[in-house]
C-alpha atoms as a PDB file:
ATOM      1  CA  MET A   1     -13.646   4.163   5.896  1.00  0.00           C
ATOM      2  CA  LYS A   2     -13.431   3.949   1.809  1.00  0.00           C
ATOM      3  CA  LYS A   3     -15.384   7.397   2.129  1.00  0.00           C
ATOM      4  CA  TYR A   4     -13.257   8.876   5.155  1.00  0.00           C
ATOM      5  CA  LEU A   5     -10.171   8.085   2.959  1.00  0.00           C
ATOM      6  CA  ILE A   6     -11.618   9.834  -0.159  1.00  0.00           C
ATOM      7  CA  GLU A   7     -12.545  12.520   1.669  1.00  0.00           C
ATOM      8  CA  TYR A   8      -9.182  12.491   3.599  1.00  0.00           C
ATOM      9  CA  ILE A   9      -6.981  12.370   0.862  1.00  0.00           C
ATOM     10  CA  ASN A  10      -8.995  15.161  -1.154  1.00  0.00           C
ATOM     11  CA  LYS A  11      -8.372  18.046   1.381  1.00  0.00           C
ATOM     12  CA  LYS A  12      -4.301  17.297   1.129  1.00  0.00           C
ATOM     13  CA  PRO A  13      -2.441  19.889  -0.285  1.00  0.00           C
ATOM     14  CA  LEU A  14      -0.806  17.249  -3.173  1.00  0.00           C
ATOM     15  CA  LYS A  15      -4.212  14.817  -3.118  1.00  0.00           C
ATOM     16  CA  MET A  16      -2.168  11.704  -2.060  1.00  0.00           C
ATOM     17  CA  ILE A  17      -0.739  10.391   1.229  1.00  0.00           C
ATOM     18  CA  SER A  18       1.729   7.517   2.254  1.00  0.00           C
ATOM     19  CA  TYR A  19       1.126   4.272   2.834  1.00  0.00           C
ATOM     20  CA  ASP A  20       2.216   4.783   6.073  1.00  0.00           C
ATOM     21  CA  GLU A  21      -0.283   7.104   6.616  1.00  0.00           C
ATOM     22  CA  TYR A  22      -3.081   5.226   4.768  1.00  0.00           C
ATOM     23  CA  MET A  23      -2.222   2.036   7.058  1.00  0.00           C
ATOM     24  CA  ASP A  24      -2.377   4.154  10.343  1.00  0.00           C
ATOM     25  CA  LEU A  25      -5.771   5.255   8.834  1.00  0.00           C
ATOM     26  CA  VAL A  26      -7.548   1.790   7.989  1.00  0.00           C
ATOM     27  CA  LEU A  27      -5.755  -0.093  10.362  1.00  0.00           C
ATOM     28  CA  TYR A  28      -5.558   1.953  13.633  1.00  0.00           C
ATOM     29  CA  HIS A  29      -8.549   4.732  13.125  1.00  0.00           C
ATOM     30  CA  PRO A  30     -10.745   4.807  16.422  1.00  0.00           C
ATOM     31  CA  ARG A  31     -13.438   4.612  14.828  1.00  0.00           C
ATOM     32  CA  PHE A  32     -12.820   2.827  11.134  1.00  0.00           C
ATOM     33  CA  GLY A  33     -10.080   1.049  12.025  1.00  0.00           C
ATOM     34  CA  TYR A  34      -9.812  -2.954  11.502  1.00  0.00           C
ATOM     35  CA  TYR A  35      -8.065  -3.467  14.501  1.00  0.00           C
ATOM     36  CA  MET A  36     -10.256  -1.386  16.579  1.00  0.00           C
ATOM     37  CA  LYS A  37     -13.602  -2.805  15.216  1.00  0.00           C
ATOM     38  CA  GLU A  38     -15.814  -5.074  17.581  1.00  0.00           C
ATOM     39  CA  ARG A  39     -15.451  -7.953  15.175  1.00  0.00           C
ATOM     40  CA  GLU A  40     -13.316 -11.547  15.266  1.00  0.00           C
ATOM     41  CA  LYS A  41     -10.094 -11.162  13.414  1.00  0.00           C
ATOM     42  CA  ILE A  42      -8.060 -14.235  14.566  1.00  0.00           C
ATOM     43  CA  GLY A  43      -8.918 -17.896  13.896  1.00  0.00           C
ATOM     44  CA  ARG A  44     -11.626 -19.533  11.771  1.00  0.00           C
ATOM     45  CA  SER A  45     -14.137 -16.790  11.909  1.00  0.00           C
ATOM     46  CA  GLY A  46     -11.617 -14.115  11.481  1.00  0.00           C
ATOM     47  CA  ASP A  47      -9.402 -13.148   8.707  1.00  0.00           C
ATOM     48  CA  PHE A  48      -5.900 -14.719   9.487  1.00  0.00           C
ATOM     49  CA  ILE A  49      -4.452 -17.243  12.454  1.00  0.00           C
ATOM     50  CA  THR A  50      -1.034 -16.820  14.371  1.00  0.00           C
ATOM     51  CA  SER A  51       0.631 -19.943  15.369  1.00  0.00           C
ATOM     52  CA  SER A  52      -0.131 -18.823  19.159  1.00  0.00           C
ATOM     53  CA  ASN A  53      -3.509 -19.800  18.331  1.00  0.00           C
ATOM     54  CA  ILE A  54      -3.251 -23.020  17.031  1.00  0.00           C
ATOM     55  CA  SER A  55      -3.681 -24.446  20.753  1.00  0.00           C
ATOM     56  CA  ASN A  56      -2.368 -23.851  24.212  1.00  0.00           C
ATOM     57  CA  VAL A  57       0.881 -25.417  23.367  1.00  0.00           C
ATOM     58  CA  MET A  58       3.180 -22.635  22.279  1.00  0.00           C
ATOM     59  CA  GLY A  59       1.986 -20.397  25.511  1.00  0.00           C
ATOM     60  CA  LYS A  60       2.822 -23.253  27.699  1.00  0.00           C
ATOM     61  CA  THR A  61       5.744 -23.942  26.370  1.00  0.00           C
ATOM     62  CA  PHE A  62       7.506 -20.658  26.744  1.00  0.00           C
ATOM     63  CA  ALA A  63       5.829 -20.293  30.539  1.00  0.00           C
ATOM     64  CA  LYS A  64       8.414 -23.560  31.063  1.00  0.00           C
ATOM     65  CA  TRP A  65      11.398 -21.734  29.466  1.00  0.00           C
ATOM     66  CA  PHE A  66      10.788 -18.353  31.106  1.00  0.00           C
ATOM     67  CA  ALA A  67      10.235 -20.244  34.404  1.00  0.00           C
ATOM     68  CA  ASP A  68      13.716 -21.783  33.763  1.00  0.00           C
ATOM     69  CA  LEU A  69      15.266 -18.106  32.737  1.00  0.00           C
ATOM     70  CA  VAL A  70      13.802 -16.880  36.138  1.00  0.00           C
ATOM     71  CA  LYS A  71      15.531 -19.741  38.283  1.00  0.00           C
ATOM     72  CA  GLU A  72      18.328 -20.262  36.436  1.00  0.00           C
ATOM     73  CA  GLN A  73      19.558 -16.611  35.071  1.00  0.00           C
ATOM     74  CA  LYS A  74      17.879 -14.626  38.129  1.00  0.00           C
ATOM     75  CA  VAL A  75      15.582 -12.996  35.020  1.00  0.00           C
ATOM     76  CA  SER A  76      12.943 -10.963  36.721  1.00  0.00           C
ATOM     77  CA  PRO A  77       9.644 -12.541  36.779  1.00  0.00           C
ATOM     78  CA  HIS A  78       7.868  -9.842  34.700  1.00  0.00           C
ATOM     79  CA  PHE A  79       6.459 -10.874  31.460  1.00  0.00           C
ATOM     80  CA  CYS A  80       5.407  -7.936  29.013  1.00  0.00           C
ATOM     81  CA  GLU A  81       3.464  -9.196  25.825  1.00  0.00           C
ATOM     82  CA  ILE A  82       3.018  -6.495  23.134  1.00  0.00           C
ATOM     83  CA  GLY A  83      -0.470  -7.221  20.992  1.00  0.00           C
ATOM     84  CA  ALA A  84      -2.049 -10.050  23.111  1.00  0.00           C
ATOM     85  CA  GLY A  85      -4.943 -10.627  20.269  1.00  0.00           C
ATOM     86  CA  ASN A  86      -7.619 -12.907  21.570  1.00  0.00           C
ATOM     87  CA  GLY A  87      -5.287 -13.556  24.899  1.00  0.00           C
ATOM     88  CA  ARG A  88      -5.101 -17.529  24.060  1.00  0.00           C
ATOM     89  CA  PHE A  89      -1.471 -17.265  24.341  1.00  0.00           C
ATOM     90  CA  ALA A  90      -1.459 -15.129  27.561  1.00  0.00           C
ATOM     91  CA  HIS A  91      -4.072 -17.883  29.004  1.00  0.00           C
ATOM     92  CA  ALA A  92      -1.992 -20.726  28.455  1.00  0.00           C
ATOM     93  CA  PHE A  93       0.864 -18.787  29.559  1.00  0.00           C
ATOM     94  CA  LEU A  94      -0.864 -18.260  33.144  1.00  0.00           C
ATOM     95  CA  SER A  95      -2.277 -21.651  33.582  1.00  0.00           C
ATOM     96  CA  GLU A  96       0.699 -23.103  32.846  1.00  0.00           C
ATOM     97  CA  TRP A  97       2.676 -20.547  35.160  1.00  0.00           C
ATOM     98  CA  TYR A  98       0.508 -21.020  38.297  1.00  0.00           C
ATOM     99  CA  ALA A  99       0.122 -24.806  37.772  1.00  0.00           C
ATOM    100  CA  LEU A 100       4.014 -25.357  38.260  1.00  0.00           C
ATOM    101  CA  ASP A 101       6.185 -24.370  41.732  1.00  0.00           C
ATOM    102  CA  ASN A 102       6.675 -20.281  40.195  1.00  0.00           C
ATOM    103  CA  PRO A 103       6.915 -17.361  42.243  1.00  0.00           C
ATOM    104  CA  LYS A 104       4.412 -14.642  41.589  1.00  0.00           C
ATOM    105  CA  LEU A 105       4.228 -13.583  38.279  1.00  0.00           C
ATOM    106  CA  THR A 106       3.755  -9.728  36.897  1.00  0.00           C
ATOM    107  CA  TYR A 107       1.944 -10.167  33.265  1.00  0.00           C
ATOM    108  CA  THR A 108       1.615  -6.430  31.456  1.00  0.00           C
ATOM    109  CA  ILE A 109      -0.397  -6.341  28.287  1.00  0.00           C
ATOM    110  CA  ILE A 110      -0.019  -3.755  25.870  1.00  0.00           C
ATOM    111  CA  GLU A 111      -3.415  -3.870  23.744  1.00  0.00           C
ATOM    112  CA  LYS A 112      -5.099  -0.907  21.644  1.00  0.00           C
ATOM    113  CA  SER A 113      -8.197  -3.020  20.927  1.00  0.00           C
ATOM    114  CA  PRO A 114     -10.615  -2.749  22.882  1.00  0.00           C
ATOM    115  CA  TYR A 115     -12.553  -5.862  21.444  1.00  0.00           C
ATOM    116  CA  HIS A 116      -9.168  -7.520  22.070  1.00  0.00           C
ATOM    117  CA  ILE A 117      -8.882  -6.313  25.992  1.00  0.00           C
ATOM    118  CA  LYS A 118     -12.396  -7.511  26.514  1.00  0.00           C
ATOM    119  CA  LEU A 119     -11.591 -11.000  24.707  1.00  0.00           C
ATOM    120  CA  GLN A 120      -8.689 -11.316  26.895  1.00  0.00           C
ATOM    121  CA  LYS A 121     -10.335 -10.401  30.146  1.00  0.00           C
ATOM    122  CA  GLU A 122     -12.779 -13.116  29.516  1.00  0.00           C
ATOM    123  CA  LYS A 123      -9.995 -15.779  29.907  1.00  0.00           C
ATOM    124  CA  PHE A 124      -8.222 -14.717  32.536  1.00  0.00           C
ATOM    125  CA  GLU A 125      -8.525 -15.810  36.617  1.00  0.00           C
ATOM    126  CA  GLU A 126      -9.555 -13.156  39.278  1.00  0.00           C
ATOM    127  CA  GLU A 127      -6.219 -14.504  40.926  1.00  0.00           C
ATOM    128  CA  TRP A 128      -3.302 -13.615  37.793  1.00  0.00           C
ATOM    129  CA  TYR A 129      -2.054 -10.535  38.360  1.00  0.00           C
ATOM    130  CA  VAL A 130      -2.406  -9.089  34.694  1.00  0.00           C
ATOM    131  CA  GLN A 131      -1.974  -5.392  34.231  1.00  0.00           C
ATOM    132  CA  TYR A 132      -2.775  -3.425  31.147  1.00  0.00           C
ATOM    133  CA  ILE A 133      -0.700  -0.005  30.371  1.00  0.00           C
ATOM    134  CA  GLU A 134      -1.407   1.731  26.620  1.00  0.00           C
ATOM    135  CA  ASP A 135       2.310   2.461  25.857  1.00  0.00           C
ATOM    136  CA  LEU A 136       5.657   0.720  26.525  1.00  0.00           C
ATOM    137  CA  THR A 137       6.749   4.275  27.745  1.00  0.00           C
ATOM    138  CA  GLU A 138       4.551   3.156  30.854  1.00  0.00           C
ATOM    139  CA  LEU A 139       6.874   0.405  31.388  1.00  0.00           C
ATOM    140  CA  LYS A 140      10.187   2.013  33.601  1.00  0.00           C
ATOM    141  CA  ASN A 141      13.375   0.436  34.951  1.00  0.00           C
ATOM    142  CA  ASP A 142      11.975  -3.291  33.934  1.00  0.00           C
ATOM    143  CA  ASN A 143      14.348  -6.483  33.871  1.00  0.00           C
ATOM    144  CA  GLY A 144      11.775  -8.675  32.873  1.00  0.00           C
ATOM    145  CA  LEU A 145      11.218 -10.184  29.247  1.00  0.00           C
ATOM    146  CA  ILE A 146       9.540  -7.899  26.515  1.00  0.00           C
ATOM    147  CA  PHE A 147       7.350 -10.489  23.970  1.00  0.00           C
ATOM    148  CA  SER A 148       5.771 -10.132  20.688  1.00  0.00           C
ATOM    149  CA  ASN A 149       4.150 -12.054  18.311  1.00  0.00           C
ATOM    150  CA  GLU A 150       3.628 -10.579  15.006  1.00  0.00           C
ATOM    151  CA  LEU A 151       4.150  -7.232  16.009  1.00  0.00           C
ATOM    152  CA  PHE A 152       6.387  -5.753  13.709  1.00  0.00           C
ATOM    153  CA  ASP A 153       4.623  -7.167  10.663  1.00  0.00           C
ATOM    154  CA  ALA A 154       1.699  -4.980  11.497  1.00  0.00           C
ATOM    155  CA  LEU A 155       2.924  -1.747  11.942  1.00  0.00           C
ATOM    156  CA  PRO A 156       2.646   0.771   9.204  1.00  0.00           C
ATOM    157  CA  VAL A 157       5.441   1.029   6.229  1.00  0.00           C
ATOM    158  CA  HIS A 158       6.343   3.622   3.348  1.00  0.00           C
ATOM    159  CA  VAL A 159       6.859   1.910   0.027  1.00  0.00           C
ATOM    160  CA  VAL A 160       9.500   2.649  -1.993  1.00  0.00           C
ATOM    161  CA  THR A 161      10.466   1.626  -5.816  1.00  0.00           C
ATOM    162  CA  MET A 162      13.694   1.744  -8.050  1.00  0.00           C
ATOM    163  CA  GLN A 163      12.150   2.777 -11.627  1.00  0.00           C
ATOM    164  CA  GLN A 164      15.056   3.789 -14.427  1.00  0.00           C
ATOM    165  CA  GLY A 165      17.576   4.390 -11.793  1.00  0.00           C
ATOM    166  CA  HIS A 166      15.663   6.768  -9.394  1.00  0.00           C
ATOM    167  CA  LEU A 167      13.912   5.916  -6.360  1.00  0.00           C
ATOM    168  CA  TYR A 168      10.197   6.738  -5.888  1.00  0.00           C
ATOM    169  CA  GLU A 169       8.073   6.901  -3.148  1.00  0.00           C
ATOM    170  CA  VAL A 170       4.511   4.641  -3.984  1.00  0.00           C
ATOM    171  CA  MET A 171       1.548   6.722  -2.699  1.00  0.00           C
ATOM    172  CA  VAL A 172      -1.878   6.834  -2.301  1.00  0.00           C
ATOM    173  CA  THR A 173      -4.503   8.960  -4.415  1.00  0.00           C
ATOM    174  CA  VAL A 174      -8.234   9.147  -5.402  1.00  0.00           C
ATOM    175  CA  GLU A 175      -8.921   8.625  -9.165  1.00  0.00           C
ATOM    176  CA  ASN A 176     -12.587   8.054 -10.224  1.00  0.00           C
ATOM    177  CA  GLY A 177     -13.949   7.817  -6.921  1.00  0.00           C
ATOM    178  CA  GLU A 178     -11.466   4.843  -6.238  1.00  0.00           C
ATOM    179  CA  LEU A 179      -8.062   4.477  -4.230  1.00  0.00           C
ATOM    180  CA  VAL A 180      -5.229   4.126  -6.672  1.00  0.00           C
ATOM    181  CA  GLU A 181      -1.482   4.237  -6.576  1.00  0.00           C
ATOM    182  CA  THR A 182       1.094   6.943  -7.918  1.00  0.00           C
ATOM    183  CA  LEU A 183       4.939   7.902  -7.709  1.00  0.00           C
ATOM    184  CA  CYS A 184       7.004  10.743  -6.552  1.00  0.00           C
ATOM    185  CA  LEU A 185      10.376  10.798  -6.688  1.00  0.00           C
ATOM    186  CA  LEU A 186      11.520   9.864  -3.114  1.00  0.00           C
ATOM    187  CA  SER A 187      12.266  12.983  -0.973  1.00  0.00           C
ATOM    188  CA  ASN A 188      11.844  11.948   2.541  1.00  0.00           C
ATOM    189  CA  HIS A 189      15.374  11.742   4.245  1.00  0.00           C
ATOM    190  CA  LYS A 190      13.810   9.469   6.769  1.00  0.00           C
ATOM    191  CA  ILE A 191      13.887   6.722   4.380  1.00  0.00           C
ATOM    192  CA  THR A 192      16.882   7.078   2.276  1.00  0.00           C
ATOM    193  CA  SER A 193      18.743   7.350   5.951  1.00  0.00           C
ATOM    194  CA  PHE A 194      16.834   3.621   6.587  1.00  0.00           C
ATOM    195  CA  LEU A 195      18.462   2.530   3.470  1.00  0.00           C
ATOM    196  CA  LYS A 196      21.629   3.714   3.910  1.00  0.00           C
ATOM    197  CA  GLU A 197      22.225   2.909   7.429  1.00  0.00           C
ATOM    198  CA  HIS A 198      20.830  -0.855   7.094  1.00  0.00           C
ATOM    199  CA  LYS A 199      22.521  -1.481   3.831  1.00  0.00           C
ATOM    200  CA  VAL A 200      19.396  -1.753   1.926  1.00  0.00           C
ATOM    201  CA  VAL A 201      19.911  -2.211  -1.580  1.00  0.00           C
ATOM    202  CA  ILE A 202      16.962  -1.659  -4.342  1.00  0.00           C
ATOM    203  CA  PRO A 203      17.731  -3.668  -7.544  1.00  0.00           C
ATOM    204  CA  GLU A 204      15.379  -2.275 -10.608  1.00  0.00           C
ATOM    205  CA  GLY A 205      12.318  -2.830 -11.124  1.00  0.00           C
ATOM    206  CA  HIS A 206      11.739  -4.263  -7.496  1.00  0.00           C
ATOM    207  CA  ARG A 207       9.416  -2.288  -4.862  1.00  0.00           C
ATOM    208  CA  ILE A 208      10.452  -2.665  -0.991  1.00  0.00           C
ATOM    209  CA  GLU A 209       8.368  -1.563   2.439  1.00  0.00           C
ATOM    210  CA  ILE A 210      10.076   0.801   4.777  1.00  0.00           C
ATOM    211  CA  PRO A 211       9.311   0.183   8.502  1.00  0.00           C
ATOM    212  CA  LEU A 212      10.275   3.514   9.819  1.00  0.00           C
ATOM    213  CA  TYR A 213       8.081   2.788  13.124  1.00  0.00           C
ATOM    214  CA  MET A 214      10.294  -0.060  13.837  1.00  0.00           C
ATOM    215  CA  GLU A 215      12.917   1.671  15.319  1.00  0.00           C
ATOM    216  CA  ASP A 216      10.388   4.068  17.250  1.00  0.00           C
ATOM    217  CA  VAL A 217       9.305   0.740  19.126  1.00  0.00           C
ATOM    218  CA  PHE A 218      12.374  -0.805  19.475  1.00  0.00           C
ATOM    219  CA  LEU A 219      13.689   2.417  20.964  1.00  0.00           C
ATOM    220  CA  LYS A 220      10.804   2.038  23.279  1.00  0.00           C
ATOM    221  CA  MET A 221      11.856  -1.293  24.181  1.00  0.00           C
ATOM    222  CA  GLU A 222      15.457  -0.585  24.851  1.00  0.00           C
ATOM    223  CA  LYS A 223      13.925   2.355  27.094  1.00  0.00           C
ATOM    224  CA  ALA A 224      11.946   0.476  28.849  1.00  0.00           C
ATOM    225  CA  LEU A 225      14.688  -2.316  30.191  1.00  0.00           C
ATOM    226  CA  SER A 226      17.056  -1.463  32.810  1.00  0.00           C
ATOM    227  CA  LYS A 227      18.241  -5.028  31.645  1.00  0.00           C
ATOM    228  CA  GLY A 228      16.542  -8.132  30.522  1.00  0.00           C
ATOM    229  CA  MET A 229      15.370  -9.697  27.130  1.00  0.00           C
ATOM    230  CA  ILE A 230      13.520  -8.937  24.133  1.00  0.00           C
ATOM    231  CA  VAL A 231      11.934 -11.830  22.411  1.00  0.00           C
ATOM    232  CA  THR A 232      10.193 -11.430  18.652  1.00  0.00           C
ATOM    233  CA  ILE A 233       8.697 -13.577  16.549  1.00  0.00           C
ATOM    234  CA  ASP A 234       7.771 -12.397  12.870  1.00  0.00           C
ATOM    235  CA  TYR A 235       8.303 -12.974   9.273  1.00  0.00           C
ATOM    236  CA  GLY A 236      10.388 -11.271   7.226  1.00  0.00           C
ATOM    237  CA  TYR A 237      13.938 -11.442   4.905  1.00  0.00           C
ATOM    238  CA  SER A 238      17.325 -10.317   5.048  1.00  0.00           C
ATOM    239  CA  ASN A 239      19.037  -7.764   3.170  1.00  0.00           C
ATOM    240  CA  GLU A 240      19.837 -10.383   0.557  1.00  0.00           C
ATOM    241  CA  GLU A 241      16.696 -12.015   0.832  1.00  0.00           C
ATOM    242  CA  TRP A 242      14.681  -8.870  -0.381  1.00  0.00           C
ATOM    243  CA  GLN A 243      16.982  -8.446  -3.591  1.00  0.00           C
ATOM    244  CA  GLU A 244      16.041 -12.304  -4.948  1.00  0.00           C
ATOM    245  CA  PRO A 245      13.829 -11.511  -8.327  1.00  0.00           C
ATOM    246  CA  ILE A 246      11.289 -13.617  -6.664  1.00  0.00           C
ATOM    247  CA  ARG A 247      10.897 -10.383  -4.048  1.00  0.00           C
ATOM    248  CA  LYS A 248      10.442  -7.369  -6.484  1.00  0.00           C
ATOM    249  CA  ASP A 249       6.949  -6.938  -5.918  1.00  0.00           C
ATOM    250  CA  GLY A 250       7.664  -6.269  -2.141  1.00  0.00           C
ATOM    251  CA  SER A 251       5.868  -8.254   0.681  1.00  0.00           C
ATOM    252  CA  LEU A 252       2.610  -5.511   1.203  1.00  0.00           C
ATOM    253  CA  ARG A 253      -0.440  -7.714   1.132  1.00  0.00           C
ATOM    254  CA  GLY A 254      -3.759  -8.073   3.205  1.00  0.00           C
ATOM    255  CA  TYR A 255      -5.769 -11.022   4.806  1.00  0.00           C
ATOM    256  CA  TYR A 256      -9.720 -10.914   4.298  1.00  0.00           C
ATOM    257  CA  ARG A 257     -11.540 -13.993   5.751  1.00  0.00           C
ATOM    258  CA  HIS A 258      -8.356 -16.049   5.250  1.00  0.00           C
ATOM    259  CA  GLU A 259      -7.807 -14.810   1.786  1.00  0.00           C
ATOM    260  CA  LEU A 260      -4.431 -13.178   0.523  1.00  0.00           C
ATOM    261  CA  ILE A 261      -5.263  -9.677  -1.276  1.00  0.00           C
ATOM    262  CA  ARG A 262      -2.267  -8.477  -3.133  1.00  0.00           C
ATOM    263  CA  ASN A 263      -3.851  -5.374  -3.360  1.00  0.00           C
ATOM    264  CA  VAL A 264      -4.252  -3.608  -0.015  1.00  0.00           C
ATOM    265  CA  LEU A 265      -6.429  -0.513  -1.314  1.00  0.00           C
ATOM    266  CA  GLU A 266      -9.227  -2.955  -1.207  1.00  0.00           C
ATOM    267  CA  HIS A 267     -11.302  -3.787   2.025  1.00  0.00           C
ATOM    268  CA  PRO A 268     -10.118  -0.500   3.416  1.00  0.00           C
ATOM    269  CA  GLY A 269     -10.916  -1.158   7.088  1.00  0.00           C
ATOM    270  CA  GLU A 270     -12.104  -4.430   6.635  1.00  0.00           C
ATOM    271  CA  MET A 271      -9.258  -6.456   6.641  1.00  0.00           C
ATOM    272  CA  ASP A 272      -5.719  -7.175   8.165  1.00  0.00           C
ATOM    273  CA  ILE A 273      -2.856  -5.447   6.508  1.00  0.00           C
ATOM    274  CA  THR A 274       1.051  -6.466   6.775  1.00  0.00           C
ATOM    275  CA  SER A 275       4.497  -6.889   5.554  1.00  0.00           C
ATOM    276  CA  HIS A 276       7.640  -8.811   5.797  1.00  0.00           C
ATOM    277  CA  ILE A 277       9.789  -7.247   8.279  1.00  0.00           C
ATOM    278  CA  HIS A 278      13.506  -6.308   7.974  1.00  0.00           C
ATOM    279  CA  TRP A 279      15.561  -8.909   9.947  1.00  0.00           C
ATOM    280  CA  ASP A 280      19.096  -7.417   9.608  1.00  0.00           C
ATOM    281  CA  ALA A 281      17.408  -3.949  10.324  1.00  0.00           C
ATOM    282  CA  LEU A 282      16.393  -5.288  13.392  1.00  0.00           C
ATOM    283  CA  VAL A 283      19.414  -6.916  14.676  1.00  0.00           C
ATOM    284  CA  ASN A 284      21.551  -3.887  13.851  1.00  0.00           C
ATOM    285  CA  MET A 285      19.215  -1.703  15.503  1.00  0.00           C
ATOM    286  CA  GLY A 286      19.879  -4.116  19.047  1.00  0.00           C
ATOM    287  CA  ASN A 287      23.727  -3.359  18.084  1.00  0.00           C
ATOM    288  CA  LYS A 288      23.137   0.113  17.695  1.00  0.00           C
ATOM    289  CA  TYR A 289      21.525   0.540  21.758  1.00  0.00           C
ATOM    290  CA  GLY A 290      23.340  -2.042  23.350  1.00  0.00           C
ATOM    291  CA  ILE A 291      21.323  -5.134  23.096  1.00  0.00           C
ATOM    292  CA  HIS A 292      22.899  -7.715  21.386  1.00  0.00           C
ATOM    293  CA  THR A 293      21.674 -11.135  20.091  1.00  0.00           C
ATOM    294  CA  VAL A 294      21.467 -14.325  21.855  1.00  0.00           C
ATOM    295  CA  GLU A 295      20.018 -16.276  18.758  1.00  0.00           C
ATOM    296  CA  LYS A 296      17.870 -16.172  16.138  1.00  0.00           C
ATOM    297  CA  LYS A 297      16.163 -19.262  14.956  1.00  0.00           C
ATOM    298  CA  ARG A 298      13.621 -20.546  12.975  1.00  0.00           C
ATOM    299  CA  GLN A 299      10.802 -20.864  14.664  1.00  0.00           C
ATOM    300  CA  ASP A 300      10.341 -24.912  14.843  1.00  0.00           C
ATOM    301  CA  GLU A 301      14.048 -25.092  15.836  1.00  0.00           C
ATOM    302  CA  PHE A 302      13.620 -22.593  18.615  1.00  0.00           C
ATOM    303  CA  LEU A 303      10.465 -24.639  19.628  1.00  0.00           C
ATOM    304  CA  LEU A 304      12.405 -27.826  19.869  1.00  0.00           C
ATOM    305  CA  SER A 305      14.983 -26.151  21.647  1.00  0.00           C
ATOM    306  CA  ILE A 306      13.238 -25.028  24.747  1.00  0.00           C
ATOM    307  CA  GLY A 307      11.126 -28.457  25.030  1.00  0.00           C
ATOM    308  CA  ILE A 308       7.903 -28.387  23.438  1.00  0.00           C
ATOM    309  CA  LEU A 309       8.585 -32.226  22.996  1.00  0.00           C
ATOM    310  CA  ASP A 310       8.096 -32.467  26.428  1.00  0.00           C
ATOM    311  CA  GLN A 311       4.576 -31.732  25.947  1.00  0.00           C
ATOM    312  CA  LEU A 312       4.336 -34.704  23.337  1.00  0.00           C
ATOM    313  CA  GLU A 313       2.650 -37.467  24.613  1.00  0.00           C
ATOM    314  CA  ASN A 314       2.496 -41.471  24.432  1.00  0.00           C
ATOM    315  CA  HIS A 315      -0.766 -42.662  24.382  1.00  0.00           C
ATOM    316  CA  GLN A 316      -3.402 -45.554  22.694  1.00  0.00           C
ATOM    317  CA  ASP A 317      -6.566 -43.299  22.718  1.00  0.00           C
ATOM    318  CA  PRO A 318      -8.727 -44.412  19.675  1.00  0.00           C
ATOM    319  CA  ASN A 319     -10.601 -40.950  20.078  1.00  0.00           C
ATOM    320  CA  PRO A 320      -8.631 -38.775  17.312  1.00  0.00           C
ATOM    321  CA  PHE A 321     -10.745 -35.629  19.446  1.00  0.00           C
ATOM    322  CA  SER A 322      -9.531 -36.303  22.399  1.00  0.00           C
ATOM    323  CA  GLU A 323      -7.163 -33.546  24.128  1.00  0.00           C
ATOM    324  CA  VAL A 324      -4.126 -35.483  24.008  1.00  0.00           C
ATOM    325  CA  ASN A 325      -4.639 -36.469  20.124  1.00  0.00           C
ATOM    326  CA  LYS A 326      -5.473 -32.423  19.548  1.00  0.00           C
ATOM    327  CA  ARG A 327      -2.638 -31.305  21.354  1.00  0.00           C
ATOM    328  CA  ASN A 328      -0.376 -34.005  20.062  1.00  0.00           C
ATOM    329  CA  ARG A 329      -1.211 -32.762  16.326  1.00  0.00           C
ATOM    330  CA  ALA A 330      -0.858 -29.144  17.417  1.00  0.00           C
ATOM    331  CA  ILE A 331       2.759 -30.098  18.297  1.00  0.00           C
ATOM    332  CA  ARG A 332       3.499 -31.483  15.201  1.00  0.00           C
ATOM    333  CA  SER A 333       1.931 -28.705  13.317  1.00  0.00           C
ATOM    334  CA  LEU A 334       4.585 -25.875  14.951  1.00  0.00           C
ATOM    335  CA  ILE A 335       7.561 -28.625  14.287  1.00  0.00           C
ATOM    336  CA  MET A 336       6.812 -30.181  10.959  1.00  0.00           C
ATOM    337  CA  PRO A 337       8.372 -28.524   7.529  1.00  0.00           C
ATOM    338  CA  SER A 338       4.843 -28.135   6.035  1.00  0.00           C
ATOM    339  CA  GLY A 339       3.445 -26.619   9.201  1.00  0.00           C
ATOM    340  CA  MET A 340       3.357 -22.703   9.915  1.00  0.00           C
ATOM    341  CA  SER A 341       6.669 -22.484  11.878  1.00  0.00           C
ATOM    342  CA  PRO A 342       9.226 -22.428   9.397  1.00  0.00           C
ATOM    343  CA  SER A 343       8.110 -19.124   7.998  1.00  0.00           C
ATOM    344  CA  PHE A 344       8.700 -17.582  11.107  1.00  0.00           C
ATOM    345  CA  GLN A 345      11.913 -16.553  12.733  1.00  0.00           C
ATOM    346  CA  VAL A 346      12.537 -15.843  16.598  1.00  0.00           C
ATOM    347  CA  LEU A 347      15.130 -13.407  17.531  1.00  0.00           C
ATOM    348  CA  VAL A 348      16.139 -13.038  21.537  1.00  0.00           C
ATOM    349  CA  GLN A 349      17.817  -9.993  22.084  1.00  0.00           C
ATOM    350  CA  LEU A 350      19.522  -9.174  25.748  1.00  0.00           C
ATOM    351  CA  LYS A 351      20.345  -6.082  27.396  1.00  0.00           C
ATOM    352  CA  ALA A 352      22.638  -6.888  29.897  1.00  0.00           C
END
């Protein structure tokens, strides 16, 4: 990947590329991209872990919640998951769905990684109706629910910084055979429009990620739904939080074998790259396209509100490795302040 990038950048007229283009290459290149490789990425043997992979509890809890929506609010029994990873959430969701007295469900997965598709299909039962599509544009006139867990944080972003009163875009170039950053006066009008539309203020000396892809993806969701819901789980900041001094270096970072890497130019194609999302912008996009916010809560608060404690069992099992004990520990890890959930938000939006 590094050799490919150096050759690619040196062929550019200005010998540089944006972080947006860099991330698109190192994450999604069909041969060298991180997400496209045949290797484990999620879990202890991978580079990072998601809350839905702690146990099956999260998928089962969402299945019960969605079943209530279908029965009580007449939502269509169609659940679309974007980026299903190793398939653990989908497997837990489907197992719980069919264990209950629920109507037939259409479960749609949008997944780019051939490796992840293989892992997912190994987990699914033949009688479960799981369909795969390559892009949201293939989902038309849907009135179900579109779900994503850590989707927007993995989208390529531009990086800008305010220096001596001027906005610069942080670019990637090559010096002495190494990938390094360089600054150019900001000339991308899409970035300046994003800053203005979503009221993003960048203090002097700060840098920040600008997710231009976010609106493209959200617009596809809006067009796919005739009516229905969008549920987004991710980590991010409000406009006010972005301006805090602790955020001055931005949020772009990598995860390599569970180690946080601040310089995302290291290990190209070998590690996950992520950034915190702009929550205010995502809410604004919903308002812009007629999809209003139902609620936005911390993940632990949301899971409590949809009944995760219903799966907590009283028991006297002395075996700490029993299934009941493991499930109870997983539930606690998802709702306790010391766990992962307080770092995540759940945004529920509705197109009526």
